[in-house]
C-alpha atoms as a PDB file:
ATOM      1  CA  MET A   1       0.000   0.000   0.000  1.00  0.00           C
ATOM      2  CA  SER A   2       1.169   3.534  -0.709  1.00  0.00           C
ATOM      3  CA  ILE A   3       0.969   6.719   1.333  1.00  0.00           C
ATOM      4  CA  ARG A   4      -1.466   8.032  -1.311  1.00  0.00           C
ATOM      5  CA  ALA A   5      -3.792   5.093  -0.630  1.00  0.00           C
ATOM      6  CA  GLU A   6      -3.556   5.756   3.128  1.00  0.00           C
ATOM      7  CA  ILE A   7      -4.401   9.419   2.555  1.00  0.00           C
ATOM      8  CA  GLY A   8      -7.436   8.302   0.544  1.00  0.00           C
ATOM      9  CA  TYR A   9      -8.577   6.062   3.398  1.00  0.00           C
ATOM     10  CA  ARG A  10      -8.201   8.886   5.935  1.00  0.00           C
ATOM     11  CA  ILE A  11     -10.243  11.188   3.712  1.00  0.00           C
ATOM     12  CA  GLY A  12     -12.926   8.518   3.468  1.00  0.00           C
ATOM     13  CA  GLU A  13     -12.956   8.227   7.258  1.00  0.00           C
ATOM     14  CA  GLY A  14     -13.377  11.998   7.626  1.00  0.00           C
ATOM     15  CA  ARG A  15     -10.069  12.316   9.488  1.00  0.00           C
ATOM     16  CA  LEU A  16      -8.272  14.213   6.738  1.00  0.00           C
ATOM     17  CA  PHE A  17      -9.459  16.796   4.201  1.00  0.00           C
ATOM     18  CA  GLN A  18      -7.944  17.991   0.956  1.00  0.00           C
ATOM     19  CA  LEU A  19      -7.604  21.764   0.965  1.00  0.00           C
ATOM     20  CA  PRO A  20      -7.913  23.133  -2.557  1.00  0.00           C
ATOM     21  CA  PRO A  21      -7.507  26.891  -3.053  1.00  0.00           C
ATOM     22  CA  LEU A  22     -10.516  28.851  -1.863  1.00  0.00           C
ATOM     23  CA  MET A  23     -10.740  30.596  -5.232  1.00  0.00           C
ATOM     24  CA  ALA A  24     -12.054  27.862  -7.535  1.00  0.00           C
ATOM     25  CA  SER A  25     -10.280  29.275 -10.592  1.00  0.00           C
ATOM     26  CA  ALA A  26      -6.849  29.248  -8.913  1.00  0.00           C
ATOM     27  CA  PRO A  27      -4.357  26.645 -10.116  1.00  0.00           C
ATOM     28  CA  VAL A  28      -3.545  23.655  -7.938  1.00  0.00           C
ATOM     29  CA  VAL A  29       0.213  23.194  -8.167  1.00  0.00           C
ATOM     30  CA  ARG A  30       0.902  21.529  -4.818  1.00  0.00           C
ATOM     31  CA  THR A  31      -1.346  19.461  -2.569  1.00  0.00           C
ATOM     32  CA  MET A  32      -2.288  20.099   1.038  1.00  0.00           C
ATOM     33  CA  PHE A  33      -4.320  17.899   3.321  1.00  0.00           C
ATOM     34  CA  VAL A  34      -5.433  19.102   6.748  1.00  0.00           C
ATOM     35  CA  GLY A  35      -6.798  17.622   9.935  1.00  0.00           C
ATOM     36  CA  GLU A  36     -10.334  18.361  11.088  1.00  0.00           C
ATOM     37  CA  ALA A  37      -9.496  21.258  13.445  1.00  0.00           C
ATOM     38  CA  ILE A  38      -7.534  23.090  10.762  1.00  0.00           C
ATOM     39  CA  PHE A  39     -10.210  22.367   8.155  1.00  0.00           C
ATOM     40  CA  GLU A  40     -12.893  23.891  10.389  1.00  0.00           C
ATOM     41  CA  ALA A  41     -10.718  26.918  11.192  1.00  0.00           C
ATOM     42  CA  VAL A  42      -9.886  27.796   7.571  1.00  0.00           C
ATOM     43  CA  THR A  43     -13.203  27.002   5.877  1.00  0.00           C
ATOM     44  CA  PRO A  44     -15.691  29.877   5.450  1.00  0.00           C
ATOM     45  CA  PRO A  45     -17.869  31.392   6.585  1.00  0.00           C
ATOM     46  CA  TRP A  46     -15.824  33.192   9.224  1.00  0.00           C
ATOM     47  CA  ASP A  47     -17.496  35.360  11.807  1.00  0.00           C
ATOM     48  CA  ARG A  48     -17.067  39.139  11.563  1.00  0.00           C
ATOM     49  CA  SER A  49     -14.522  39.420  14.331  1.00  0.00           C
ATOM     50  CA  PRO A  50     -10.763  39.879  14.542  1.00  0.00           C
ATOM     51  CA  ASP A  51     -10.417  36.088  15.004  1.00  0.00           C
ATOM     52  CA  GLY A  52     -12.571  35.421  11.948  1.00  0.00           C
ATOM     53  CA  TYR A  53     -10.495  37.815   9.880  1.00  0.00           C
ATOM     54  CA  ARG A  54      -7.264  36.277  11.198  1.00  0.00           C
ATOM     55  CA  LEU A  55      -8.378  32.762  10.209  1.00  0.00           C
ATOM     56  CA  SER A  56      -9.334  33.982   6.732  1.00  0.00           C
ATOM     57  CA  ARG A  57      -5.784  35.318   6.348  1.00  0.00           C
ATOM     58  CA  LEU A  58      -4.429  31.968   7.516  1.00  0.00           C
ATOM     59  CA  ARG A  59      -6.420  30.346   4.710  1.00  0.00           C
ATOM     60  CA  ALA A  60      -4.817  32.726   2.214  1.00  0.00           C
ATOM     61  CA  ASP A  61      -1.391  31.708   3.504  1.00  0.00           C
ATOM     62  CA  LEU A  62      -2.227  28.013   3.124  1.00  0.00           C
ATOM     63  CA  ASP A  63      -3.565  28.669  -0.372  1.00  0.00           C
ATOM     64  CA  ALA A  64      -0.197  30.202  -1.299  1.00  0.00           C
ATOM     65  CA  PHE A  65       1.256  26.700  -0.929  1.00  0.00           C
ATOM     66  CA  THR A  66      -1.380  24.922  -3.005  1.00  0.00           C
ATOM     67  CA  GLU A  67      -1.465  27.615  -5.699  1.00  0.00           C
ATOM     68  CA  GLY A  68       2.267  27.288  -6.238  1.00  0.00           C
ATOM     69  CA  HIS A  69       3.298  30.771  -5.122  1.00  0.00           C
ATOM     70  CA  LEU A  70       6.984  31.431  -4.567  1.00  0.00           C
ATOM     71  CA  ILE A  71       7.705  30.337  -1.013  1.00  0.00           C
ATOM     72  CA  SER A  72      10.790  30.576   1.167  1.00  0.00           C
ATOM     73  CA  ILE A  73      11.873  27.689   3.350  1.00  0.00           C
ATOM     74  CA  ALA A  74      14.257  27.851   6.305  1.00  0.00           C
ATOM     75  CA  GLU A  75      16.021  24.532   6.713  1.00  0.00           C
ATOM     76  CA  HIS A  76      17.679  25.328  10.030  1.00  0.00           C
ATOM     77  CA  PRO A  77      15.213  25.393  12.959  1.00  0.00           C
ATOM     78  CA  PHE A  78      17.011  28.166  14.847  1.00  0.00           C
ATOM     79  CA  LYS A  79      18.251  30.305  11.945  1.00  0.00           C
ATOM     80  CA  LYS A  80      15.156  31.481  10.123  1.00  0.00           C
ATOM     81  CA  PRO A  81      14.578  35.009   8.932  1.00  0.00           C
ATOM     82  CA  ASN A  82      11.184  36.624   9.374  1.00  0.00           C
ATOM     83  CA  ILE A  83      10.469  36.236   5.664  1.00  0.00           C
ATOM     84  CA  ALA A  84      10.437  32.437   5.878  1.00  0.00           C
ATOM     85  CA  TYR A  85       7.079  31.050   4.781  1.00  0.00           C
ATOM     86  CA  MET A  86       7.923  27.597   6.095  1.00  0.00           C
ATOM     87  CA  ALA A  87      10.559  26.296   8.488  1.00  0.00           C
ATOM     88  CA  ARG A  88      11.841  22.987   9.755  1.00  0.00           C
ATOM     89  CA  THR A  89      11.298  22.429  13.478  1.00  0.00           C
ATOM     90  CA  HIS A  90      13.749  20.960  15.979  1.00  0.00           C
ATOM     91  CA  PRO A  91      14.974  18.266  15.817  1.00  0.00           C
ATOM     92  CA  PRO A  92      15.207  18.104  11.994  1.00  0.00           C
ATOM     93  CA  LYS A  93      15.186  14.286  11.997  1.00  0.00           C
ATOM     94  CA  ASP A  94      11.526  14.375  13.087  1.00  0.00           C
ATOM     95  CA  GLU A  95      10.584  15.903   9.705  1.00  0.00           C
ATOM     96  CA  VAL A  96       8.034  18.279  11.243  1.00  0.00           C
ATOM     97  CA  TRP A  97       7.645  21.602   9.434  1.00  0.00           C
ATOM     98  CA  ASP A  98       5.715  24.736  10.269  1.00  0.00           C
ATOM     99  CA  ILE A  99       3.935  27.192   8.025  1.00  0.00           C
ATOM    100  CA  ARG A 100       4.394  30.645   9.479  1.00  0.00           C
ATOM    101  CA  SER A 101       1.326  32.842   9.071  1.00  0.00           C
ATOM    102  CA  ARG A 102       2.492  36.191  10.449  1.00  0.00           C
ATOM    103  CA  ASP A 103       0.181  38.879   9.102  1.00  0.00           C
ATOM    104  CA  PRO A 104      -1.892  40.245  10.705  1.00  0.00           C
ATOM    105  CA  LYS A 105      -0.914  39.705  14.296  1.00  0.00           C
ATOM    106  CA  PRO A 106      -1.405  37.508  16.198  1.00  0.00           C
ATOM    107  CA  ALA A 107       0.760  35.125  14.192  1.00  0.00           C
ATOM    108  CA  ILE A 108      -0.266  31.490  13.752  1.00  0.00           C
ATOM    109  CA  ARG A 109       1.897  28.408  13.275  1.00  0.00           C
ATOM    110  CA  VAL A 110       0.594  25.364  11.378  1.00  0.00           C
ATOM    111  CA  LEU A 111       2.630  22.196  11.869  1.00  0.00           C
ATOM    112  CA  GLY A 112       2.688  19.143   9.681  1.00  0.00           C
ATOM    113  CA  CYS A 113       4.807  16.770   7.637  1.00  0.00           C
ATOM    114  CA  PHE A 114       5.373  16.087   3.978  1.00  0.00           C
ATOM    115  CA  ALA A 115       3.891  12.843   2.655  1.00  0.00           C
ATOM    116  CA  GLU A 116       5.892  13.203  -0.556  1.00  0.00           C
ATOM    117  CA  THR A 117       7.317  16.022  -2.647  1.00  0.00           C
ATOM    118  CA  ASP A 118       4.743  18.818  -3.009  1.00  0.00           C
ATOM    119  CA  THR A 119       2.269  17.107  -0.652  1.00  0.00           C
ATOM    120  CA  PHE A 120       1.964  18.600   2.832  1.00  0.00           C
ATOM    121  CA  ILE A 121      -0.202  17.202   5.634  1.00  0.00           C
ATOM    122  CA  ALA A 122      -1.084  20.018   8.087  1.00  0.00           C
ATOM    123  CA  LEU A 123      -2.061  18.487  11.419  1.00  0.00           C
ATOM    124  CA  VAL A 124      -2.008  21.008  14.286  1.00  0.00           C
ATOM    125  CA  TYR A 125      -1.934  24.755  14.754  1.00  0.00           C
ATOM    126  CA  ASP A 126      -1.688  27.344  17.488  1.00  0.00           C
ATOM    127  CA  TYR A 127      -1.232  31.057  17.927  1.00  0.00           C
ATOM    128  CA  ARG A 128       2.440  31.945  18.139  1.00  0.00           C
ATOM    129  CA  ARG A 129       1.926  33.862  21.385  1.00  0.00           C
ATOM    130  CA  ASN A 130       1.008  30.559  23.089  1.00  0.00           C
ATOM    131  CA  LEU A 131       4.258  28.869  22.112  1.00  0.00           C
ATOM    132  CA  GLY A 132       6.985  30.741  23.996  1.00  0.00           C
ATOM    133  CA  GLY A 133      10.559  30.607  22.715  1.00  0.00           C
ATOM    134  CA  PRO A 134      11.805  28.168  20.068  1.00  0.00           C
ATOM    135  CA  ARG A 135      13.025  25.687  22.692  1.00  0.00           C
ATOM    136  CA  SER A 136      10.059  26.056  25.044  1.00  0.00           C
ATOM    137  CA  ARG A 137       7.957  23.245  26.438  1.00  0.00           C
ATOM    138  CA  GLU A 138       4.933  24.646  24.574  1.00  0.00           C
ATOM    139  CA  TRP A 139       6.720  24.367  21.209  1.00  0.00           C
ATOM    140  CA  ARG A 140       7.916  20.872  22.067  1.00  0.00           C
ATOM    141  CA  ASN A 141       4.373  19.854  23.040  1.00  0.00           C
ATOM    142  CA  LEU A 142       2.960  21.139  19.748  1.00  0.00           C
ATOM    143  CA  ILE A 143       5.639  19.258  17.799  1.00  0.00           C
ATOM    144  CA  GLU A 144       4.898  16.092  19.781  1.00  0.00           C
ATOM    145  CA  ARG A 145       1.160  16.507  19.087  1.00  0.00           C
ATOM    146  CA  CYS A 146       1.930  16.784  15.393  1.00  0.00           C
ATOM    147  CA  LYS A 147       4.051  13.625  15.456  1.00  0.00           C
ATOM    148  CA  ALA A 148       1.363  11.751  17.408  1.00  0.00           C
ATOM    149  CA  GLU A 149      -1.300  12.801  14.884  1.00  0.00           C
ATOM    150  CA  TRP A 150       0.928  11.596  12.037  1.00  0.00           C
ATOM    151  CA  ARG A 151       1.405   8.204  13.735  1.00  0.00           C
ATOM    152  CA  LYS A 152      -2.362   7.869  14.272  1.00  0.00           C
ATOM    153  CA  LEU A 153      -3.079   8.604  10.622  1.00  0.00           C
ATOM    154  CA  PHE A 154      -0.109   6.815   9.025  1.00  0.00           C
ATOM    155  CA  PRO A 155       1.279   4.187  11.409  1.00  0.00           C
ATOM    156  CA  SER A 156       3.124   2.369   8.601  1.00  0.00           C
ATOM    157  CA  PHE A 157       4.645   5.420   6.939  1.00  0.00           C
ATOM    158  CA  PRO A 158       7.242   7.828   8.263  1.00  0.00           C
ATOM    159  CA  PRO A 159       7.119  11.422   7.008  1.00  0.00           C
ATOM    160  CA  HIS A 160       8.849  12.133   3.708  1.00  0.00           C
ATOM    161  CA  LYS A 161      12.549  12.859   4.024  1.00  0.00           C
ATOM    162  CA  GLY A 162      14.762  14.719   1.590  1.00  0.00           C
ATOM    163  CA  GLU A 163      18.279  15.995   1.045  1.00  0.00           C
ATOM    164  CA  ASP A 164      17.341  19.615   0.305  1.00  0.00           C
ATOM    165  CA  VAL A 165      14.299  21.890  -0.016  1.00  0.00           C
ATOM    166  CA  ASN A 166      13.594  20.708  -3.565  1.00  0.00           C
ATOM    167  CA  ALA A 167      12.931  17.220  -2.214  1.00  0.00           C
ATOM    168  CA  TYR A 168       9.996  18.777  -0.326  1.00  0.00           C
ATOM    169  CA  VAL A 169       8.847  21.529  -2.693  1.00  0.00           C
ATOM    170  CA  SER A 170       9.884  20.984  -6.292  1.00  0.00           C
ATOM    171  CA  THR A 171       9.349  24.400  -7.869  1.00  0.00           C
ATOM    172  CA  ASN A 172       8.974  28.056  -7.028  1.00  0.00           C
ATOM    173  CA  VAL A 173      10.877  27.738  -3.768  1.00  0.00           C
ATOM    174  CA  TYR A 174      14.016  29.286  -2.368  1.00  0.00           C
ATOM    175  CA  PRO A 175      15.995  28.107   0.643  1.00  0.00           C
ATOM    176  CA  LEU A 176      16.956  30.480   3.433  1.00  0.00           C
END
């Protein structure tokens, strides 16, 4: 069985959702699947509040991945400039990555793993203000939650591993 078949089973079970761009006419260049909590957070309608607006902006950031926009990826967990769209978390061997939605404040971090090149599985998220410093217990707990979710969904498959950023995102990407 392949990871693609497993993803199909999880979609059928309602445990995973494909996240196409919100604008139906937008191209789909890369694939993103999300867990239920993320799916609910980034699917309209949003309420007319600052939180609703913030979650709509998070959706736009996730759509940048699927639409194939130019994205920047920081490979080193502790050396990432503010412009990084995505960054590897610590320790790198865990293959957990975060999408960094920074505008508007408060910032949000979405953690997940790659199933294969150009296929990201977003599993958990939290507001950055809840996570403390990069080596905090809160960050570690969120990373561990992400890994546990991956194991629940794909017990027979480890996350995709690559030698450089192009093994994760094949085009329209630049490493930081």
